[in-house]
């Protein structure tokens, strides 16, 4: 119950504070504060009002925005995972990459950088760079899924 309420509240508040009217209101408050300076003789209390209020608002907004961003990121990852899963020729090994450690991510990144370089070279040579080329494992061998697709595409496997 509490999690759902907080999620709804943070989504709503993030949406409201991201609108132009919210920015205009914030600027209006700062202008109102600045205009009242002479009335309060630019006292320490007058300065403390803006410092304290902006600090509190910023502190609370960090948690609200982070909650919204975490949910949005999780939902986007699920959608991307589904697209990878559903696409013929996609590598299911790429599902949930966000769960891998940095070293494993670098290995995947290196594979795709090599693939991109090969595609650019193919373009320079006047060839096309489309399709679903195989992505090898660490030893340079093709993945099992890639071999099955290669067999299927060449008509060797039915």
N, C-alpha and C. Protein backbone atom coordinates (compact mmCIF):
# COMPACT_ATOMS: atom_id res chain seq x y z
N UNK A 1 0.83 -1.20 0.00
CA UNK A 1 0.00 0.00 0.00
C UNK A 1 0.87 1.25 0.00
N UNK A 2 1.87 1.32 0.91
CA UNK A 2 2.72 2.49 1.01
C UNK A 2 3.56 2.72 -0.22
N UNK A 3 4.08 1.64 -0.81
CA UNK A 3 4.91 1.77 -2.00
C UNK A 3 4.12 2.32 -3.17
N UNK A 4 2.90 1.82 -3.36
CA UNK A 4 2.06 2.27 -4.46
C UNK A 4 1.70 3.75 -4.29
N UNK A 5 1.37 4.13 -3.07
CA UNK A 5 1.03 5.52 -2.80
C UNK A 5 2.23 6.42 -3.10
N UNK A 6 3.41 6.03 -2.63
CA UNK A 6 4.60 6.84 -2.85
C UNK A 6 4.94 6.91 -4.33
N UNK A 7 4.81 5.80 -5.04
CA UNK A 7 5.09 5.79 -6.48
C UNK A 7 4.15 6.73 -7.22
N UNK A 8 2.87 6.65 -6.90
CA UNK A 8 1.89 7.54 -7.55
C UNK A 8 2.17 9.00 -7.21
N UNK A 9 2.47 9.26 -5.94
CA UNK A 9 2.76 10.62 -5.49
C UNK A 9 4.00 11.16 -6.18
N UNK A 10 5.06 10.36 -6.23
CA UNK A 10 6.30 10.84 -6.84
C UNK A 10 6.14 11.04 -8.35
N UNK A 11 5.37 10.16 -9.00
CA UNK A 11 5.12 10.35 -10.44
C UNK A 11 4.36 11.64 -10.69
N UNK A 12 3.33 11.87 -9.89
CA UNK A 12 2.52 13.08 -10.05
C UNK A 12 3.37 14.32 -9.80
N UNK A 13 4.10 14.32 -8.68
CA UNK A 13 4.89 15.50 -8.34
C UNK A 13 6.01 15.74 -9.36
N UNK A 14 6.63 14.69 -9.84
CA UNK A 14 7.66 14.85 -10.88
C UNK A 14 7.06 15.44 -12.14
N UNK A 15 5.86 14.99 -12.48
CA UNK A 15 5.18 15.50 -13.67
C UNK A 15 4.84 16.98 -13.50
N UNK A 16 4.31 17.33 -12.34
CA UNK A 16 3.91 18.72 -12.09
C UNK A 16 5.13 19.64 -12.06
N UNK A 17 6.19 19.23 -11.38
CA UNK A 17 7.35 20.11 -11.26
C UNK A 17 8.13 20.23 -12.56
N UNK A 18 7.90 19.33 -13.49
CA UNK A 18 8.58 19.40 -14.78
C UNK A 18 7.89 20.28 -15.80
N UNK A 19 6.79 20.87 -15.43
CA UNK A 19 6.03 21.72 -16.36
C UNK A 19 6.56 23.16 -16.34
N UNK A 20 6.39 23.87 -17.45
CA UNK A 20 6.85 25.27 -17.50
C UNK A 20 6.22 26.15 -16.44
N UNK A 21 4.95 25.92 -16.13
CA UNK A 21 4.28 26.76 -15.13
C UNK A 21 4.96 26.63 -13.76
N UNK A 22 5.48 25.46 -13.46
CA UNK A 22 6.18 25.27 -12.18
C UNK A 22 7.46 26.09 -12.15
N UNK A 23 8.15 26.13 -13.26
CA UNK A 23 9.36 26.95 -13.35
C UNK A 23 9.03 28.43 -13.17
N UNK A 24 7.96 28.86 -13.83
CA UNK A 24 7.54 30.26 -13.72
C UNK A 24 7.18 30.60 -12.27
N UNK A 25 6.48 29.69 -11.60
CA UNK A 25 6.14 29.90 -10.18
C UNK A 25 7.39 29.99 -9.32
N UNK A 26 8.36 29.13 -9.58
CA UNK A 26 9.60 29.15 -8.81
C UNK A 26 10.35 30.47 -9.01
N UNK A 27 10.42 30.91 -10.25
CA UNK A 27 11.06 32.20 -10.54
C UNK A 27 10.30 33.32 -9.85
N UNK A 28 8.96 33.24 -9.88
CA UNK A 28 8.14 34.24 -9.20
C UNK A 28 8.41 34.30 -7.70
N UNK A 29 8.58 33.14 -7.08
CA UNK A 29 8.90 33.11 -5.65
C UNK A 29 10.26 33.74 -5.37
N UNK A 30 11.22 33.47 -6.21
CA UNK A 30 12.55 34.06 -6.02
C UNK A 30 12.48 35.58 -6.20
N UNK A 31 11.72 36.03 -7.19
CA UNK A 31 11.57 37.47 -7.40
C UNK A 31 10.86 38.10 -6.20
N UNK A 32 9.81 37.45 -5.72
CA UNK A 32 9.08 37.97 -4.55
C UNK A 32 10.01 38.06 -3.34
N UNK A 33 10.84 37.05 -3.17
CA UNK A 33 11.79 37.06 -2.06
C UNK A 33 12.78 38.22 -2.23
N UNK A 34 13.29 38.40 -3.44
CA UNK A 34 14.26 39.46 -3.69
C UNK A 34 13.64 40.85 -3.47
N UNK A 35 12.39 41.00 -3.89
CA UNK A 35 11.71 42.30 -3.74
C UNK A 35 11.48 42.64 -2.26
N UNK A 36 11.29 41.62 -1.44
CA UNK A 36 11.04 41.87 -0.01
C UNK A 36 12.32 42.16 0.76
N UNK A 37 13.46 42.08 0.11
CA UNK A 37 14.74 42.35 0.78
C UNK A 37 14.77 43.69 1.50
N UNK A 38 14.40 44.79 0.83
CA UNK A 38 14.43 46.09 1.51
C UNK A 38 13.47 46.16 2.71
N UNK A 39 12.33 45.45 2.61
CA UNK A 39 11.38 45.46 3.73
C UNK A 39 11.97 44.84 4.98
N UNK A 40 12.81 43.84 4.79
CA UNK A 40 13.42 43.14 5.93
C UNK A 40 14.87 43.57 6.14
N UNK A 41 15.25 44.64 5.47
CA UNK A 41 16.60 45.21 5.59
C UNK A 41 17.68 44.17 5.30
N UNK A 42 17.37 43.29 4.36
CA UNK A 42 18.32 42.24 3.94
C UNK A 42 18.91 41.51 5.15
N UNK A 43 18.06 41.24 6.10
CA UNK A 43 18.51 40.62 7.35
C UNK A 43 18.94 39.16 7.14
N UNK A 44 19.59 38.64 8.17
CA UNK A 44 19.99 37.23 8.13
C UNK A 44 18.77 36.32 8.03
N UNK A 45 17.70 36.67 8.71
CA UNK A 45 16.48 35.87 8.66
C UNK A 45 15.91 35.86 7.24
N UNK A 46 15.93 37.02 6.61
CA UNK A 46 15.44 37.12 5.22
C UNK A 46 16.25 36.21 4.31
N UNK A 47 17.56 36.19 4.46
CA UNK A 47 18.41 35.32 3.65
C UNK A 47 18.19 33.85 4.00
N UNK A 48 17.96 33.59 5.28
CA UNK A 48 17.76 32.22 5.73
C UNK A 48 16.50 31.60 5.13
N UNK A 49 15.49 32.42 4.88
CA UNK A 49 14.23 31.92 4.30
C UNK A 49 14.49 31.26 2.96
N UNK A 50 15.18 31.93 2.05
CA UNK A 50 15.41 31.35 0.72
C UNK A 50 16.39 30.19 0.79
N UNK A 51 17.42 30.33 1.62
CA UNK A 51 18.40 29.24 1.73
C UNK A 51 17.78 27.97 2.28
N UNK A 52 17.02 28.09 3.34
CA UNK A 52 16.41 26.92 3.96
C UNK A 52 15.35 26.30 3.06
N UNK A 53 14.48 27.15 2.50
CA UNK A 53 13.40 26.60 1.68
C UNK A 53 13.93 25.90 0.43
N UNK A 54 14.91 26.49 -0.24
CA UNK A 54 15.45 25.83 -1.44
C UNK A 54 16.21 24.56 -1.08
N UNK A 55 16.89 24.55 0.03
CA UNK A 55 17.60 23.34 0.46
C UNK A 55 16.63 22.21 0.75
N UNK A 56 15.56 22.50 1.46
CA UNK A 56 14.57 21.46 1.80
C UNK A 56 13.89 20.94 0.54
N UNK A 57 13.47 21.85 -0.33
CA UNK A 57 12.80 21.42 -1.57
C UNK A 57 13.74 20.56 -2.41
N UNK A 58 14.98 20.99 -2.55
CA UNK A 58 15.95 20.22 -3.34
C UNK A 58 16.17 18.84 -2.74
N UNK A 59 16.34 18.77 -1.44
CA UNK A 59 16.57 17.50 -0.75
C UNK A 59 15.41 16.54 -0.98
N UNK A 60 14.18 17.01 -0.83
CA UNK A 60 13.02 16.14 -1.02
C UNK A 60 12.82 15.76 -2.49
N UNK A 61 13.08 16.69 -3.39
CA UNK A 61 12.89 16.40 -4.81
C UNK A 61 13.86 15.33 -5.31
N UNK A 62 15.04 15.26 -4.73
CA UNK A 62 16.00 14.22 -5.14
C UNK A 62 15.37 12.84 -4.99
N UNK A 63 14.71 12.59 -3.88
CA UNK A 63 14.11 11.28 -3.63
C UNK A 63 12.91 11.02 -4.53
N UNK A 64 12.10 12.04 -4.73
CA UNK A 64 10.93 11.87 -5.60
C UNK A 64 11.34 11.62 -7.05
N UNK A 65 12.27 12.39 -7.54
CA UNK A 65 12.71 12.22 -8.92
C UNK A 65 13.44 10.90 -9.09
N UNK A 66 14.26 10.51 -8.11
CA UNK A 66 14.98 9.24 -8.21
C UNK A 66 14.02 8.06 -8.24
N UNK A 67 12.95 8.13 -7.45
CA UNK A 67 11.95 7.06 -7.47
C UNK A 67 11.31 6.94 -8.84
N UNK A 68 10.93 8.06 -9.40
CA UNK A 68 10.32 8.06 -10.74
C UNK A 68 11.31 7.55 -11.78
N UNK A 69 12.54 8.00 -11.71
CA UNK A 69 13.55 7.57 -12.67
C UNK A 69 13.83 6.08 -12.54
N UNK A 70 13.89 5.55 -11.33
CA UNK A 70 14.12 4.12 -11.13
C UNK A 70 13.01 3.29 -11.77
N UNK A 71 11.76 3.70 -11.57
CA UNK A 71 10.64 2.96 -12.16
C UNK A 71 10.65 3.07 -13.68
N UNK A 72 10.91 4.26 -14.20
CA UNK A 72 10.97 4.44 -15.65
C UNK A 72 12.08 3.60 -16.27
N UNK A 73 13.23 3.58 -15.63
CA UNK A 73 14.35 2.79 -16.13
C UNK A 73 14.02 1.30 -16.10
N UNK A 74 13.43 0.83 -15.00
CA UNK A 74 13.06 -0.58 -14.90
C UNK A 74 12.05 -0.96 -15.98
N UNK A 75 11.06 -0.10 -16.20
CA UNK A 75 10.05 -0.38 -17.23
C UNK A 75 10.69 -0.39 -18.62
N UNK A 76 11.60 0.54 -18.88
CA UNK A 76 12.27 0.58 -20.18
C UNK A 76 13.13 -0.66 -20.39
N UNK A 77 13.81 -1.12 -19.34
CA UNK A 77 14.62 -2.34 -19.46
C UNK A 77 13.75 -3.55 -19.79
N UNK A 78 12.59 -3.63 -19.15
CA UNK A 78 11.68 -4.74 -19.44
C UNK A 78 11.21 -4.68 -20.89
N UNK A 79 10.88 -3.49 -21.36
CA UNK A 79 10.45 -3.34 -22.76
C UNK A 79 11.57 -3.72 -23.72
N UNK A 80 12.79 -3.28 -23.43
CA UNK A 80 13.92 -3.63 -24.29
C UNK A 80 14.18 -5.13 -24.26
N UNK A 81 14.09 -5.73 -23.06
CA UNK A 81 14.26 -7.18 -22.96
C UNK A 81 13.23 -7.91 -23.80
N UNK A 82 11.99 -7.42 -23.79
CA UNK A 82 10.94 -8.07 -24.58
C UNK A 82 11.23 -7.92 -26.07
N UNK A 83 11.70 -6.76 -26.49
CA UNK A 83 12.04 -6.58 -27.91
C UNK A 83 13.18 -7.51 -28.32
N UNK A 84 14.18 -7.64 -27.48
CA UNK A 84 15.29 -8.55 -27.78
C UNK A 84 14.77 -9.98 -27.86
N UNK A 85 13.94 -10.36 -26.89
CA UNK A 85 13.42 -11.72 -26.84
C UNK A 85 12.58 -12.02 -28.08
N UNK A 86 11.79 -11.06 -28.53
CA UNK A 86 10.84 -11.30 -29.61
C UNK A 86 11.46 -11.17 -31.00
N UNK A 87 12.59 -10.50 -31.13
CA UNK A 87 13.19 -10.27 -32.44
C UNK A 87 13.93 -11.50 -32.93
N UNK A 88 13.60 -11.90 -34.14
CA UNK A 88 14.34 -13.00 -34.77
C UNK A 88 15.73 -12.48 -35.10
N UNK A 89 16.72 -13.20 -34.70
CA UNK A 89 18.10 -12.80 -34.96
C UNK A 89 18.72 -12.02 -33.82
N UNK A 90 17.93 -11.63 -32.84
CA UNK A 90 18.49 -10.92 -31.69
C UNK A 90 19.16 -11.93 -30.76
N UNK A 91 20.11 -11.46 -30.01
CA UNK A 91 20.85 -12.32 -29.10
C UNK A 91 20.23 -12.25 -27.70
N UNK A 92 19.63 -13.36 -27.27
CA UNK A 92 19.01 -13.39 -25.95
C UNK A 92 20.03 -13.23 -24.83
N UNK A 93 21.30 -13.42 -25.12
CA UNK A 93 22.34 -13.20 -24.12
C UNK A 93 22.38 -11.73 -23.70
N UNK A 94 21.77 -10.85 -24.50
CA UNK A 94 21.76 -9.43 -24.17
C UNK A 94 20.66 -9.06 -23.19
N UNK A 95 19.78 -10.00 -22.89
CA UNK A 95 18.74 -9.72 -21.90
C UNK A 95 19.40 -9.43 -20.56
N UNK A 96 18.88 -8.54 -19.83
CA UNK A 96 19.30 -8.12 -18.49
C UNK A 96 20.80 -7.83 -18.37
N UNK A 97 21.37 -7.18 -19.38
CA UNK A 97 22.77 -6.76 -19.30
C UNK A 97 23.03 -5.85 -18.11
N UNK A 98 22.02 -5.10 -17.72
CA UNK A 98 22.19 -4.16 -16.61
C UNK A 98 22.55 -4.86 -15.30
N UNK A 99 22.36 -6.18 -15.26
CA UNK A 99 22.69 -6.95 -14.05
C UNK A 99 24.15 -7.42 -14.04
N UNK A 100 24.87 -7.27 -15.15
CA UNK A 100 26.24 -7.75 -15.23
C UNK A 100 27.20 -6.78 -14.54
N UNK A 101 28.36 -7.31 -14.15
CA UNK A 101 29.36 -6.43 -13.56
C UNK A 101 30.10 -5.68 -14.68
N UNK A 102 30.92 -4.73 -14.29
CA UNK A 102 31.58 -3.85 -15.25
C UNK A 102 32.46 -4.62 -16.23
N UNK A 103 33.17 -5.62 -15.75
CA UNK A 103 34.07 -6.41 -16.61
C UNK A 103 33.28 -7.13 -17.71
N UNK A 104 32.15 -7.72 -17.34
CA UNK A 104 31.33 -8.42 -18.33
C UNK A 104 30.73 -7.44 -19.34
N UNK A 105 30.31 -6.28 -18.86
CA UNK A 105 29.78 -5.26 -19.77
C UNK A 105 30.84 -4.81 -20.78
N UNK A 106 32.07 -4.67 -20.32
CA UNK A 106 33.15 -4.26 -21.21
C UNK A 106 33.38 -5.32 -22.28
N UNK A 107 33.30 -6.60 -21.93
CA UNK A 107 33.46 -7.67 -22.92
C UNK A 107 32.38 -7.58 -23.99
N UNK A 108 31.12 -7.38 -23.56
CA UNK A 108 30.03 -7.22 -24.54
C UNK A 108 30.27 -5.98 -25.40
N UNK A 109 30.64 -4.87 -24.76
CA UNK A 109 30.87 -3.62 -25.48
C UNK A 109 31.95 -3.81 -26.54
N UNK A 110 33.03 -4.51 -26.19
CA UNK A 110 34.12 -4.75 -27.14
C UNK A 110 33.65 -5.55 -28.34
N UNK A 111 32.78 -6.53 -28.10
CA UNK A 111 32.25 -7.32 -29.22
C UNK A 111 31.49 -6.43 -30.19
N UNK A 112 30.66 -5.55 -29.65
CA UNK A 112 29.85 -4.70 -30.52
C UNK A 112 30.68 -3.59 -31.16
N UNK A 113 31.73 -3.14 -30.50
CA UNK A 113 32.62 -2.17 -31.14
C UNK A 113 33.31 -2.81 -32.34
N UNK A 114 33.74 -4.07 -32.19
CA UNK A 114 34.37 -4.78 -33.31
C UNK A 114 33.37 -4.97 -34.45
N UNK A 115 32.13 -5.28 -34.11
CA UNK A 115 31.08 -5.44 -35.11
C UNK A 115 30.83 -4.13 -35.85
N UNK A 116 30.81 -3.02 -35.11
CA UNK A 116 30.60 -1.71 -35.73
C UNK A 116 31.75 -1.35 -36.65
N UNK A 117 32.97 -1.64 -36.23
CA UNK A 117 34.13 -1.35 -37.08
C UNK A 117 34.08 -2.18 -38.36
N UNK A 118 33.70 -3.45 -38.25
CA UNK A 118 33.58 -4.30 -39.44
C UNK A 118 32.50 -3.76 -40.38
N UNK A 119 31.41 -3.25 -39.82
CA UNK A 119 30.33 -2.69 -40.64
C UNK A 119 30.81 -1.42 -41.35
N UNK A 120 31.56 -0.58 -40.64
CA UNK A 120 32.09 0.64 -41.28
C UNK A 120 33.08 0.29 -42.40
N UNK A 121 33.89 -0.74 -42.15
CA UNK A 121 34.83 -1.19 -43.18
C UNK A 121 34.06 -1.71 -44.40
N UNK A 122 32.98 -2.45 -44.15
CA UNK A 122 32.16 -2.95 -45.26
C UNK A 122 31.60 -1.80 -46.08
N UNK A 123 31.17 -0.75 -45.41
CA UNK A 123 30.65 0.43 -46.13
C UNK A 123 31.74 1.09 -46.96
N UNK A 124 32.94 1.21 -46.39
CA UNK A 124 34.05 1.82 -47.13
C UNK A 124 34.38 1.02 -48.39
N UNK A 125 34.15 -0.28 -48.33
CA UNK A 125 34.43 -1.16 -49.47
C UNK A 125 33.24 -1.25 -50.43
N UNK A 126 32.18 -0.50 -50.14
CA UNK A 126 31.03 -0.48 -51.03
C UNK A 126 30.01 -1.56 -50.75
N UNK A 127 30.15 -2.27 -49.66
CA UNK A 127 29.20 -3.32 -49.29
C UNK A 127 28.13 -2.75 -48.37
N UNK A 128 27.12 -3.55 -48.10
CA UNK A 128 26.06 -3.12 -47.17
C UNK A 128 26.46 -3.50 -45.75
N UNK A 129 25.88 -2.82 -44.80
CA UNK A 129 26.16 -3.14 -43.40
C UNK A 129 24.89 -3.54 -42.66
N UNK A 130 23.96 -4.14 -43.36
CA UNK A 130 22.71 -4.55 -42.74
C UNK A 130 22.76 -6.02 -42.40
N UNK A 131 21.71 -6.49 -41.74
CA UNK A 131 21.63 -7.90 -41.39
C UNK A 131 21.91 -8.12 -39.92
N UNK A 132 22.02 -9.38 -39.58
CA UNK A 132 22.29 -9.76 -38.19
C UNK A 132 23.54 -10.62 -38.15
N UNK A 133 24.72 -10.00 -38.21
CA UNK A 133 25.93 -10.79 -38.19
C UNK A 133 26.10 -11.51 -36.86
N UNK A 134 26.86 -12.56 -36.89
CA UNK A 134 27.11 -13.32 -35.68
C UNK A 134 27.99 -12.52 -34.74
N UNK A 135 27.73 -12.68 -33.45
CA UNK A 135 28.55 -12.06 -32.43
C UNK A 135 29.24 -13.19 -31.71
N UNK A 136 30.57 -13.26 -31.81
CA UNK A 136 31.31 -14.37 -31.23
C UNK A 136 31.43 -14.27 -29.73
N UNK A 137 31.78 -15.41 -29.11
CA UNK A 137 32.04 -15.42 -27.68
C UNK A 137 33.47 -14.97 -27.43
N UNK A 138 33.95 -15.10 -26.20
CA UNK A 138 35.28 -14.61 -25.85
C UNK A 138 36.40 -15.30 -26.62
N UNK A 139 36.20 -16.54 -27.01
CA UNK A 139 37.24 -17.27 -27.74
C UNK A 139 37.14 -17.05 -29.24
N UNK A 140 36.24 -16.18 -29.67
CA UNK A 140 36.11 -15.89 -31.08
C UNK A 140 35.21 -16.87 -31.81
N UNK A 141 34.58 -17.78 -31.10
CA UNK A 141 33.67 -18.73 -31.74
C UNK A 141 32.29 -18.12 -31.78
N UNK A 142 31.49 -18.59 -32.71
CA UNK A 142 30.12 -18.12 -32.82
C UNK A 142 29.29 -18.68 -31.68
N UNK A 143 28.29 -17.93 -31.24
CA UNK A 143 27.40 -18.41 -30.21
C UNK A 143 26.51 -19.51 -30.76
N UNK A 144 25.95 -20.33 -29.88
CA UNK A 144 25.08 -21.42 -30.32
C UNK A 144 23.87 -20.87 -31.07
N UNK A 145 23.30 -19.79 -30.56
CA UNK A 145 22.14 -19.19 -31.23
C UNK A 145 22.55 -18.66 -32.61
N UNK A 146 23.74 -18.07 -32.68
CA UNK A 146 24.21 -17.57 -33.96
C UNK A 146 24.46 -18.68 -34.96
N UNK A 147 25.02 -19.80 -34.50
CA UNK A 147 25.24 -20.95 -35.39
C UNK A 147 23.92 -21.49 -35.91
N UNK A 148 22.94 -21.59 -35.02
CA UNK A 148 21.62 -22.09 -35.44
C UNK A 148 21.02 -21.16 -36.48
N UNK A 149 21.14 -19.84 -36.28
CA UNK A 149 20.60 -18.88 -37.25
C UNK A 149 21.35 -18.98 -38.57
N UNK A 150 22.69 -19.13 -38.50
CA UNK A 150 23.49 -19.25 -39.71
C UNK A 150 23.09 -20.49 -40.50
N UNK A 151 22.90 -21.62 -39.79
CA UNK A 151 22.46 -22.85 -40.45
C UNK A 151 21.09 -22.65 -41.09
N UNK A 152 20.19 -22.01 -40.34
CA UNK A 152 18.84 -21.78 -40.85
C UNK A 152 18.87 -20.88 -42.08
N UNK A 153 19.64 -19.80 -41.99
CA UNK A 153 19.69 -18.86 -43.10
C UNK A 153 20.35 -19.46 -44.35
N UNK A 154 21.27 -20.39 -44.16
CA UNK A 154 21.94 -20.99 -45.31
C UNK A 154 21.18 -22.20 -45.83
N UNK A 155 20.08 -22.58 -45.14
CA UNK A 155 19.25 -23.69 -45.59
C UNK A 155 19.75 -25.05 -45.15
N UNK A 156 20.76 -25.10 -44.26
CA UNK A 156 21.29 -26.37 -43.81
C UNK A 156 20.45 -26.99 -42.72
N UNK A 157 19.69 -26.20 -42.01
CA UNK A 157 18.93 -26.70 -40.86
C UNK A 157 17.48 -26.33 -41.06
N UNK A 158 16.61 -27.29 -40.96
CA UNK A 158 15.18 -27.01 -41.16
C UNK A 158 14.42 -27.32 -39.92
